[in-house]
Amino acid sequence: ETGVIRFPRPPATVARDDSRLSGHEGRWTVTNGARIYEITIRGVASELVQVEFDDVQVRVDSASTYLRTGVVDQTVLFGLIRRIEVLGLVLLDVATIHPDGP
């Protein structure tokens, strides 16, 4: 092809401590599948706010509200984060939960 300059694509590099990775038979693989997420929101959510999140598990303690999903993909996670933002709630943390975890 005349007039076209092609540059080689550099190889992808990933750190061994990257949380997207899991060891499998001595090799590292990227995991992009659905996951369980726990979202922490500052403060105790009112009953009205809790009803807004009736599609996830809601747990409240004296200082925070926790939303735990079932196994969902990132599209669902981003939808939850958007709903939190629209309600004016303060997002403190998003964590991935192992299916066999607490």
Protein backbone atom coordinates (compact mmCIF):
# COMPACT_ATOMS: atom_id res chain seq x y z
CA GLU A 1 0.00 0.00 0.00
CA THR A 2 1.62 3.21 -1.07
CA GLY A 3 1.35 6.24 1.16
CA VAL A 4 0.34 4.22 4.24
CA ILE A 5 2.70 4.02 7.17
CA ARG A 6 1.97 1.23 9.60
CA PHE A 7 3.43 1.18 13.07
CA PRO A 8 3.71 -2.07 14.96
CA ARG A 9 1.41 -2.32 17.96
CA PRO A 10 3.39 -2.62 21.20
CA PRO A 11 2.74 -5.76 23.22
CA ALA A 12 0.28 -5.42 26.08
CA THR A 13 1.88 -5.40 29.49
CA VAL A 14 0.14 -6.23 32.75
CA ALA A 15 1.51 -6.06 36.26
CA ARG A 16 1.37 -9.26 38.30
CA ASP A 17 -0.55 -7.46 41.06
CA ASP A 18 -3.27 -6.24 38.66
CA SER A 19 -6.63 -7.05 40.28
CA ARG A 20 -8.09 -8.05 36.90
CA LEU A 21 -5.82 -11.04 36.75
CA SER A 22 -6.15 -14.50 38.15
CA GLY A 23 -3.59 -17.28 38.12
CA HIS A 24 -4.55 -20.41 36.18
CA GLU A 25 -2.20 -23.36 35.77
CA GLY A 26 0.88 -21.19 36.10
CA ARG A 27 -0.34 -18.60 33.58
CA TRP A 28 -1.96 -15.21 34.09
CA THR A 29 -5.27 -14.55 32.40
CA VAL A 30 -7.44 -11.45 32.22
CA THR A 31 -10.91 -11.96 33.68
CA ASN A 32 -13.63 -9.85 32.08
CA GLY A 33 -16.73 -11.82 33.06
CA ALA A 34 -19.59 -10.96 35.34
CA ARG A 35 -18.85 -10.43 39.02
CA ILE A 36 -20.49 -9.71 42.35
CA TYR A 37 -20.00 -6.11 43.49
CA GLU A 38 -20.43 -4.39 46.82
CA ILE A 39 -20.90 -0.63 46.70
CA THR A 40 -20.42 1.45 49.84
CA ILE A 41 -22.38 4.68 50.21
CA ARG A 42 -21.74 7.26 52.93
CA GLY A 43 -24.43 7.50 55.58
CA VAL A 44 -27.53 5.57 56.49
CA ALA A 45 -29.90 5.36 53.53
CA SER A 46 -33.52 6.23 54.24
CA GLU A 47 -36.23 3.67 53.57
CA LEU A 48 -37.16 5.63 50.45
CA VAL A 49 -33.62 5.33 49.11
CA GLN A 50 -33.51 1.64 50.04
CA VAL A 51 -36.68 1.04 47.99
CA GLU A 52 -34.93 2.63 45.00
CA PHE A 53 -32.38 -0.21 45.18
CA ASP A 54 -34.82 -3.10 45.54
CA ASP A 55 -32.94 -5.01 42.84
CA VAL A 56 -29.84 -5.50 45.04
CA GLN A 57 -29.17 -6.56 48.63
CA VAL A 58 -29.10 -3.54 50.95
CA ARG A 59 -27.29 -3.59 54.29
CA VAL A 60 -27.07 -0.58 56.61
CA ASP A 61 -24.82 0.00 59.61
CA SER A 62 -24.37 3.09 61.79
CA ALA A 63 -22.26 4.99 59.25
CA SER A 64 -22.68 3.45 55.79
CA THR A 65 -25.04 1.72 53.40
CA TYR A 66 -23.88 -1.28 51.36
CA LEU A 67 -25.39 -2.43 48.08
CA ARG A 68 -24.46 -5.96 46.97
CA THR A 69 -25.32 -7.19 43.50
CA GLY A 70 -25.80 -10.69 42.26
CA VAL A 71 -23.47 -11.81 39.48
CA VAL A 72 -23.66 -8.91 37.01
CA ASP A 73 -21.55 -7.35 34.29
CA GLN A 74 -20.06 -3.86 34.31
CA THR A 75 -23.04 -2.38 32.47
CA VAL A 76 -25.27 -3.14 35.46
CA LEU A 77 -22.58 -1.81 37.83
CA PHE A 78 -22.36 1.47 35.91
CA GLY A 79 -26.17 1.74 35.99
CA LEU A 80 -26.13 1.40 39.79
CA ILE A 81 -23.40 4.02 40.08
CA ARG A 82 -25.45 6.36 37.87
CA ARG A 83 -28.52 5.88 40.10
CA ILE A 84 -26.39 6.68 43.16
CA GLU A 85 -25.17 9.85 41.46
CA VAL A 86 -28.69 10.94 40.42
CA LEU A 87 -29.92 10.52 44.01
CA GLY A 88 -27.07 12.74 45.26
CA LEU A 89 -25.54 9.99 47.39
CA VAL A 90 -21.81 9.87 48.14
CA LEU A 91 -20.07 6.78 46.74
CA LEU A 92 -17.24 5.65 49.00
CA ASP A 93 -16.12 2.34 47.52
CA VAL A 94 -16.79 -0.31 44.90
CA ALA A 95 -15.40 -3.76 45.64
CA THR A 96 -15.47 -7.08 43.84
CA ILE A 97 -16.74 -9.89 46.06
CA HIS A 98 -15.66 -13.49 45.60
CA PRO A 99 -18.76 -15.67 45.09
CA ASP A 100 -17.80 -17.81 48.10
CA GLY A 101 -16.99 -14.74 50.25
CA PRO A 102 -18.90 -13.16 53.13
